[in-house]
Amino acid sequence: MLSNYFFIRFPVWQFLNQPLFTKQSATILNPQHYWRRYRLDLLERCLRIDCASGDVYRDRNG
């Protein structure tokens, strides 16, 4: 049951709409490699989110 909660679907639309001929980003044609890169990017975005915890003492002392 827990695996259904954390299930992330493959981003088909983002995979198909990748920029093909740009120097800023590399095009990934292998769906497995794209899926791995997508999950890493998602994790990095989630870790960059600044959220306040309920532990005021820890927030105050760093």
C-alpha atoms as a PDB file:
ATOM      1  CA  MET A   1       0.000   0.000   0.000  1.00  0.00           C
ATOM      2  CA  LEU A   2       2.862   2.373   0.796  1.00  0.00           C
ATOM      3  CA  SER A   3       4.413   1.807  -2.630  1.00  0.00           C
ATOM      4  CA  ASN A   4       1.243   3.174  -4.272  1.00  0.00           C
ATOM      5  CA  TYR A   5       1.556   6.333  -2.195  1.00  0.00           C
ATOM      6  CA  PHE A   6       5.094   7.061  -3.391  1.00  0.00           C
ATOM      7  CA  PHE A   7       4.499   5.973  -6.976  1.00  0.00           C
ATOM      8  CA  ILE A   8       5.662   8.571  -9.493  1.00  0.00           C
ATOM      9  CA  ARG A   9       4.486   8.153 -13.060  1.00  0.00           C
ATOM     10  CA  PHE A  10       6.827   8.386 -16.013  1.00  0.00           C
ATOM     11  CA  PRO A  11       6.696  11.926 -17.451  1.00  0.00           C
ATOM     12  CA  VAL A  12       5.777  11.002 -21.024  1.00  0.00           C
ATOM     13  CA  TRP A  13       4.879  14.529 -22.099  1.00  0.00           C
ATOM     14  CA  GLN A  14       8.145  16.008 -20.787  1.00  0.00           C
ATOM     15  CA  PHE A  15      10.091  13.183 -22.439  1.00  0.00           C
ATOM     16  CA  LEU A  16       8.457  13.822 -25.811  1.00  0.00           C
ATOM     17  CA  ASN A  17       8.828  17.609 -25.567  1.00  0.00           C
ATOM     18  CA  GLN A  18      12.559  17.705 -24.893  1.00  0.00           C
ATOM     19  CA  PRO A  19      14.469  20.365 -26.808  1.00  0.00           C
ATOM     20  CA  LEU A  20      16.393  18.497 -29.495  1.00  0.00           C
ATOM     21  CA  PHE A  21      19.071  20.814 -30.839  1.00  0.00           C
ATOM     22  CA  THR A  22      20.098  23.073 -27.970  1.00  0.00           C
ATOM     23  CA  LYS A  23      23.460  23.504 -26.305  1.00  0.00           C
ATOM     24  CA  GLN A  24      21.910  24.296 -22.907  1.00  0.00           C
ATOM     25  CA  SER A  25      20.467  20.834 -22.319  1.00  0.00           C
ATOM     26  CA  ALA A  26      21.352  17.395 -23.570  1.00  0.00           C
ATOM     27  CA  THR A  27      18.625  15.362 -25.234  1.00  0.00           C
ATOM     28  CA  ILE A  28      18.144  11.956 -23.623  1.00  0.00           C
ATOM     29  CA  LEU A  29      16.634   9.449 -26.029  1.00  0.00           C
ATOM     30  CA  ASN A  30      16.748   6.407 -23.768  1.00  0.00           C
ATOM     31  CA  PRO A  31      13.560   6.404 -21.608  1.00  0.00           C
ATOM     32  CA  GLN A  32      15.309   4.641 -18.714  1.00  0.00           C
ATOM     33  CA  HIS A  33      18.080   7.238 -18.610  1.00  0.00           C
ATOM     34  CA  TYR A  34      15.530  10.017 -18.885  1.00  0.00           C
ATOM     35  CA  TRP A  35      13.505   8.518 -16.016  1.00  0.00           C
ATOM     36  CA  ARG A  36      16.607   8.332 -13.825  1.00  0.00           C
ATOM     37  CA  ARG A  37      17.542  11.966 -14.623  1.00  0.00           C
ATOM     38  CA  TYR A  38      13.961  13.120 -14.022  1.00  0.00           C
ATOM     39  CA  ARG A  39      13.869  11.499 -10.581  1.00  0.00           C
ATOM     40  CA  LEU A  40      17.215  13.078  -9.637  1.00  0.00           C
ATOM     41  CA  ASP A  41      16.016  16.504 -10.758  1.00  0.00           C
ATOM     42  CA  LEU A  42      12.779  16.034  -8.821  1.00  0.00           C
ATOM     43  CA  LEU A  43      14.726  15.100  -5.681  1.00  0.00           C
ATOM     44  CA  GLU A  44      16.963  18.163  -6.070  1.00  0.00           C
ATOM     45  CA  ARG A  45      13.921  20.428  -6.484  1.00  0.00           C
ATOM     46  CA  CYS A  46      12.291  18.924  -3.387  1.00  0.00           C
ATOM     47  CA  LEU A  47      15.443  19.371  -1.308  1.00  0.00           C
ATOM     48  CA  ARG A  48      15.692  23.035  -2.341  1.00  0.00           C
ATOM     49  CA  ILE A  49      12.236  23.792  -0.911  1.00  0.00           C
ATOM     50  CA  ASP A  50      12.578  25.853   2.243  1.00  0.00           C
ATOM     51  CA  CYS A  51      10.098  24.725   4.864  1.00  0.00           C
ATOM     52  CA  ALA A  52       9.801  25.639   8.526  1.00  0.00           C
ATOM     53  CA  SER A  53       9.740  22.767  10.947  1.00  0.00           C
ATOM     54  CA  GLY A  54       7.758  22.636  14.148  1.00  0.00           C
ATOM     55  CA  ASP A  55      10.981  22.459  16.172  1.00  0.00           C
ATOM     56  CA  VAL A  56      11.550  26.118  17.048  1.00  0.00           C
ATOM     57  CA  TYR A  57      14.666  25.412  19.120  1.00  0.00           C
ATOM     58  CA  ARG A  58      16.401  23.668  16.218  1.00  0.00           C
ATOM     59  CA  ASP A  59      15.388  26.388  13.746  1.00  0.00           C
ATOM     60  CA  ARG A  60      16.756  29.098  16.024  1.00  0.00           C
ATOM     61  CA  ASN A  61      20.116  27.408  16.696  1.00  0.00           C
ATOM     62  CA  GLY A  62      20.849  26.317  13.169  1.00  0.00           C
END
